[in-house]
Amino acid sequence: MKGGGYVLHTYAPEQIYLYVLIGCAVLAFLLLLFGDIFDFDGPVDPMLIIPWFAFTSLFGYLGETFLSSYSLLLFVISGCLATGLVFLLNFYVLIPMRNAEATLSSSEKDFEGRIATVLTPIPCEGMGEIQLTSVTGSSNRPATAFQPIDELLAAGSKVLIIEVKERVCYVVPYTKKFLDN
């Protein structure tokens, strides 16, 4: 090969932006389907990186379509717009969603150590239903005995919630001896 090198195929910037946008759409769809399976605790969150590339490629594609002679400037402007939009997405959508999930899971753990009333009798080996009352209202939960019991826990009796697993409350009969200790 005379003259010194290989010829690289070059693509127009709008083609590159379009391919990146299509790739981001596919990745976003896969992340929507399978995102809960994977735990992304690293410094780079795909829930922010993929939209950044998608917005950058979208604004770059639109810019190249209308103003094709300013490619580098369009890339910088697209990146700045995408950064702003991803910041807003993170601040107003993703962070509140993460906090809402944490609030839901901690409210289940708040039931532990509380006294409840048996609604549906809890048999020696099986499940019944309890009712927890608070200032904000009452809620019913399925319940079972925390440890083996000799007789069923009758409706109207008081129980102490020891543990909550998978929305099931594990209870023991509530007696005055808990107050003496």
Protein backbone atom coordinates (compact mmCIF):
# COMPACT_ATOMS: atom_id res chain seq x y z
CA MET A 1 0.00 0.00 0.00
CA LYS A 2 1.72 3.08 -1.27
CA GLY A 3 1.12 6.43 0.36
CA GLY A 4 1.09 5.22 3.85
CA GLY A 5 -2.09 4.01 5.50
CA TYR A 6 -5.53 2.66 5.70
CA VAL A 7 -8.58 4.65 4.77
CA LEU A 8 -11.12 4.79 7.57
CA HIS A 9 -14.74 5.01 6.67
CA THR A 10 -16.17 8.23 7.91
CA TYR A 11 -19.75 8.77 8.92
CA ALA A 12 -21.64 12.02 8.88
CA PRO A 13 -22.19 13.41 12.40
CA GLU A 14 -25.97 13.14 12.09
CA GLN A 15 -25.58 9.40 11.35
CA ILE A 16 -23.46 8.92 14.47
CA TYR A 17 -25.98 10.85 16.57
CA LEU A 18 -28.82 8.77 15.12
CA TYR A 19 -27.06 5.44 15.82
CA VAL A 20 -26.27 6.50 19.39
CA LEU A 21 -29.89 7.60 19.89
CA ILE A 22 -31.20 4.24 18.64
CA GLY A 23 -28.70 2.39 20.83
CA CYS A 24 -29.76 4.42 23.86
CA ALA A 25 -33.42 3.68 23.17
CA VAL A 26 -32.67 -0.07 23.10
CA LEU A 27 -30.57 0.15 26.28
CA ALA A 28 -33.25 2.20 28.03
CA PHE A 29 -35.87 -0.40 27.12
CA LEU A 30 -33.66 -3.23 28.42
CA LEU A 31 -32.91 -1.26 31.58
CA LEU A 32 -36.63 -0.73 32.09
CA LEU A 33 -37.26 -4.47 31.79
CA PHE A 34 -34.24 -5.81 33.69
CA GLY A 35 -33.05 -2.85 35.77
CA ASP A 36 -34.39 -4.23 39.06
CA ILE A 37 -32.43 -7.45 38.64
CA PHE A 38 -29.08 -5.67 38.68
CA ASP A 39 -27.83 -3.50 41.53
CA PHE A 40 -25.85 -0.54 40.25
CA ASP A 41 -23.91 0.82 43.22
CA GLY A 42 -20.92 2.12 41.30
CA PRO A 43 -19.95 5.70 40.61
CA VAL A 44 -21.75 5.68 37.26
CA ASP A 45 -25.49 5.08 37.35
CA PRO A 46 -26.94 3.80 34.05
CA MET A 47 -30.19 5.54 34.91
CA LEU A 48 -28.31 8.83 34.37
CA ILE A 49 -25.69 7.93 31.75
CA ILE A 50 -28.07 6.45 29.18
CA PRO A 51 -30.39 9.50 29.21
CA TRP A 52 -27.35 11.79 28.97
CA PHE A 53 -26.18 10.04 25.79
CA ALA A 54 -29.75 9.96 24.48
CA PHE A 55 -30.34 13.70 25.03
CA THR A 56 -26.90 14.60 23.67
CA SER A 57 -27.46 12.55 20.53
CA LEU A 58 -31.01 13.89 20.10
CA PHE A 59 -29.95 17.53 20.35
CA GLY A 60 -26.86 16.81 18.24
CA TYR A 61 -28.93 15.13 15.55
CA LEU A 62 -31.43 18.00 15.46
CA GLY A 63 -28.62 20.55 15.43
CA GLU A 64 -26.72 18.78 12.64
CA THR A 65 -29.91 18.56 10.60
CA PHE A 66 -30.42 22.33 10.71
CA LEU A 67 -26.89 23.74 11.24
CA SER A 68 -24.41 21.23 9.86
CA SER A 69 -21.40 23.56 9.69
CA TYR A 70 -20.99 23.98 13.49
CA SER A 71 -20.40 20.36 14.55
CA LEU A 72 -18.09 20.91 17.54
CA LEU A 73 -20.17 23.79 18.89
CA LEU A 74 -23.34 21.73 18.48
CA PHE A 75 -21.76 18.84 20.38
CA VAL A 76 -20.81 21.11 23.28
CA ILE A 77 -24.25 22.74 23.38
CA SER A 78 -25.95 19.33 23.16
CA GLY A 79 -23.81 18.05 26.03
CA CYS A 80 -24.66 21.09 28.18
CA LEU A 81 -28.40 20.77 27.48
CA ALA A 82 -28.27 17.03 28.20
CA THR A 83 -26.41 17.65 31.47
CA GLY A 84 -29.08 20.10 32.58
CA LEU A 85 -31.93 17.76 31.67
CA VAL A 86 -30.28 14.76 33.35
CA PHE A 87 -29.71 16.84 36.49
CA LEU A 88 -33.42 17.74 36.54
CA LEU A 89 -34.35 14.10 35.88
CA ASN A 90 -32.19 12.96 38.77
CA PHE A 91 -33.27 15.69 41.18
CA TYR A 92 -37.01 15.64 40.49
CA VAL A 93 -37.66 12.00 39.50
CA LEU A 94 -34.98 9.48 40.52
CA ILE A 95 -34.09 10.77 44.00
CA PRO A 96 -37.75 11.05 45.11
CA MET A 97 -38.40 7.53 43.78
CA ARG A 98 -35.46 6.12 45.75
CA ASN A 99 -36.62 7.87 48.91
CA ALA A 100 -40.17 6.57 48.42
CA GLU A 101 -38.90 2.99 48.20
CA ALA A 102 -36.87 3.44 51.38
CA THR A 103 -39.89 4.86 53.20
CA LEU A 104 -42.07 1.92 52.19
CA SER A 105 -39.59 -0.70 53.36
CA SER A 106 -38.87 1.05 56.65
CA SER A 107 -42.59 1.35 57.46
CA GLU A 108 -42.88 -2.45 57.46
CA LYS A 109 -40.03 -2.66 59.98
CA ASP A 110 -41.74 -0.01 62.14
CA PHE A 111 -44.42 -2.60 62.98
CA GLU A 112 -41.92 -4.67 64.98
CA GLY A 113 -42.40 -4.23 68.72
CA ARG A 114 -45.96 -2.89 68.39
CA ILE A 115 -49.09 -4.33 69.94
CA ALA A 116 -51.90 -5.44 67.61
CA THR A 117 -55.36 -6.97 67.91
CA VAL A 118 -56.19 -10.37 66.40
CA LEU A 119 -59.01 -10.12 63.83
CA THR A 120 -58.98 -13.63 62.39
CA PRO A 121 -57.87 -16.28 64.91
CA ILE A 122 -54.28 -17.44 64.49
CA PRO A 123 -54.11 -21.26 64.66
CA CYS A 124 -51.20 -23.21 66.16
CA GLU A 125 -49.81 -23.90 62.71
CA GLY A 126 -51.16 -21.43 60.20
CA MET A 127 -52.01 -17.83 59.57
CA GLY A 128 -54.58 -15.37 60.77
CA GLU A 129 -55.01 -11.63 60.55
CA ILE A 130 -54.12 -8.78 62.88
CA GLN A 131 -55.05 -5.10 62.99
CA LEU A 132 -52.65 -2.32 63.91
CA THR A 133 -54.08 1.02 64.90
CA SER A 134 -52.26 4.33 64.93
CA VAL A 135 -52.96 8.04 64.74
CA THR A 136 -53.11 7.90 60.94
CA GLY A 137 -55.56 4.97 60.81
CA SER A 138 -55.47 1.21 60.95
CA SER A 139 -54.01 -1.49 58.76
CA ASN A 140 -54.59 -5.21 58.57
CA ARG A 141 -51.77 -7.69 58.05
CA PRO A 142 -51.48 -11.46 57.81
CA ALA A 143 -49.91 -12.95 60.93
CA THR A 144 -48.55 -16.22 62.22
CA ALA A 145 -47.01 -17.36 65.50
CA PHE A 146 -43.36 -16.46 65.99
CA GLN A 147 -42.74 -19.68 67.90
CA PRO A 148 -44.86 -22.83 68.29
CA ILE A 149 -47.97 -22.24 70.42
CA ASP A 150 -50.24 -24.73 72.20
CA GLU A 151 -53.60 -23.03 71.57
CA LEU A 152 -54.89 -20.66 68.94
CA LEU A 153 -54.81 -16.91 69.44
CA ALA A 154 -58.48 -15.92 69.59
CA ALA A 155 -60.06 -12.95 67.84
CA GLY A 156 -59.86 -9.84 70.01
CA SER A 157 -56.74 -10.91 71.89
CA LYS A 158 -53.63 -8.74 71.97
CA VAL A 159 -50.37 -9.83 70.35
CA LEU A 160 -46.86 -8.40 70.19
CA ILE A 161 -45.24 -8.22 66.76
CA ILE A 162 -41.74 -9.68 66.93
CA GLU A 163 -40.72 -9.66 63.27
CA VAL A 164 -42.05 -8.74 59.82
CA LYS A 165 -40.92 -10.75 56.80
CA GLU A 166 -42.44 -10.49 53.34
CA ARG A 167 -45.47 -8.58 54.73
CA VAL A 168 -46.25 -11.36 57.25
CA CYS A 169 -46.13 -10.40 60.95
CA TYR A 170 -44.68 -12.96 63.35
CA VAL A 171 -46.37 -12.51 66.72
CA VAL A 172 -46.45 -13.79 70.30
CA PRO A 173 -49.34 -13.48 72.77
CA TYR A 174 -49.14 -10.17 74.62
CA THR A 175 -49.20 -10.46 78.40
CA LYS A 176 -48.59 -8.10 81.30
CA LYS A 177 -45.19 -9.72 82.02
CA PHE A 178 -43.76 -7.71 79.10
CA LEU A 179 -44.49 -4.56 81.12
CA ASP A 180 -42.74 -5.83 84.26
CA ASN A 181 -39.32 -6.19 82.58
